[in-house]
Each structure stands twice: as structure tokens, then as C-alpha cells.
Amino acid sequence: MDREVRKIKQGLSLKFSELVYNGFWHSPECEFLRECIGRSQEPVVGTVRLSVFKGHVYILGRESPKSLYNEELV
């Protein structure tokens, strides 16, 4: 996902959370946003390992065949 798509997705995610919070889950706007967010996530693949303890979530590891992280550049 490129930078511009990520910025648009961030704004749409905020609007989506407002609609859900206010009870508009089945509204046309919310359905449209769910479709947009879902479409942006099609190329996202990978695995994230988590630990959940007393209301906290800890990331133990993550991996993806399409990761943008390049260890050689670090």
C-alpha cells in the first residue's frame, strides 16, 4: 500500500469508527467504507503473533512474504 492510499485509508477508518460508534453499521455510508477498507487490505498478507495479558496486547513477532522491511538497509 503506497503512502497516499494509506493516508486516505486513515481518514476513512476514522469516519468508519464514528459511524459504528453512533450505531450506523447498516447505513449505506458504512457499507461503502467497509468495502473500501476491505479492498485496501487485499494485498496484505502475513502473520502476527500476540500475547494478551491483563488488558494489554504484546506483539511477539510478525512476518510477511510481502514485507517492506529490508534488513540489509538497517
Protein backbone atom coordinates (compact mmCIF):
# COMPACT_ATOMS: atom_id res chain seq x y z
CA MET A 1 0.00 0.00 0.00
CA ASP A 2 1.53 3.31 -1.01
CA ARG A 3 1.63 6.48 1.08
CA GLU A 4 -1.40 8.18 -0.50
CA VAL A 5 -3.63 5.13 -0.16
CA ARG A 6 -2.52 4.81 3.47
CA LYS A 7 -3.45 8.46 4.17
CA ILE A 8 -6.89 8.03 2.59
CA LYS A 9 -7.44 4.79 4.49
CA GLN A 10 -6.58 6.53 7.76
CA GLY A 11 -9.26 9.17 7.18
CA LEU A 12 -11.81 6.57 6.13
CA SER A 13 -11.03 4.48 9.21
CA LEU A 14 -11.77 7.46 11.46
CA LYS A 15 -15.11 8.08 9.72
CA PHE A 16 -15.89 4.35 9.91
CA SER A 17 -15.29 4.29 13.67
CA GLU A 18 -17.60 7.30 14.12
CA LEU A 19 -20.38 5.62 12.14
CA VAL A 20 -20.06 2.36 14.09
CA TYR A 21 -19.95 4.17 17.44
CA ASN A 22 -23.13 6.07 16.53
CA GLY A 23 -24.97 2.89 15.51
CA PHE A 24 -24.91 3.31 11.72
CA TRP A 25 -23.43 -0.15 10.95
CA HIS A 26 -26.02 -0.89 8.22
CA SER A 27 -26.05 2.59 6.67
CA PRO A 28 -25.01 2.98 3.02
CA GLU A 29 -22.04 5.11 4.12
CA CYS A 30 -20.76 2.43 6.48
CA GLU A 31 -21.20 -0.31 3.87
CA PHE A 32 -19.23 1.80 1.38
CA LEU A 33 -16.43 2.35 3.90
CA ARG A 34 -16.27 -1.37 4.76
CA GLU A 35 -15.87 -2.13 1.06
CA CYS A 36 -13.12 0.50 0.66
CA ILE A 37 -11.21 -0.69 3.72
CA GLY A 38 -11.55 -4.33 2.68
CA ARG A 39 -10.32 -3.56 -0.82
CA SER A 40 -7.25 -1.77 0.54
CA GLN A 41 -6.37 -4.87 2.58
CA GLU A 42 -6.45 -7.40 -0.30
CA PRO A 43 -2.66 -7.34 -0.86
CA VAL A 44 -1.90 -7.52 2.89
CA VAL A 45 -0.68 -10.96 3.95
CA GLY A 46 1.32 -12.25 6.87
CA THR A 47 1.24 -13.49 10.42
CA VAL A 48 1.38 -11.58 13.71
CA ARG A 49 1.97 -13.43 16.99
CA LEU A 50 0.40 -11.78 20.05
CA SER A 51 0.30 -12.21 23.78
CA VAL A 52 -2.70 -10.87 25.70
CA PHE A 53 -2.37 -10.36 29.45
CA LYS A 54 -4.46 -8.28 31.86
CA GLY A 55 -5.86 -5.92 29.23
CA HIS A 56 -2.56 -5.46 27.38
CA VAL A 57 -1.58 -6.79 23.96
CA TYR A 58 2.08 -7.52 23.26
CA ILE A 59 3.43 -8.20 19.77
CA LEU A 60 5.75 -11.20 19.94
CA GLY A 61 6.62 -11.35 16.26
CA ARG A 62 5.47 -10.67 12.74
CA GLU A 63 6.33 -11.96 9.30
CA SER A 64 5.12 -11.42 5.76
CA PRO A 65 6.27 -12.58 2.34
CA LYS A 66 5.49 -9.07 1.04
CA SER A 67 7.12 -7.10 3.85
CA LEU A 68 8.54 -3.67 3.03
CA TYR A 69 11.18 -4.10 5.75
CA ASN A 70 14.65 -4.79 4.38
CA GLU A 71 17.17 -5.93 6.99
CA GLU A 72 20.09 -5.08 4.68
CA LEU A 73 19.12 -1.38 4.71
CA VAL A 74 19.15 -1.12 8.50
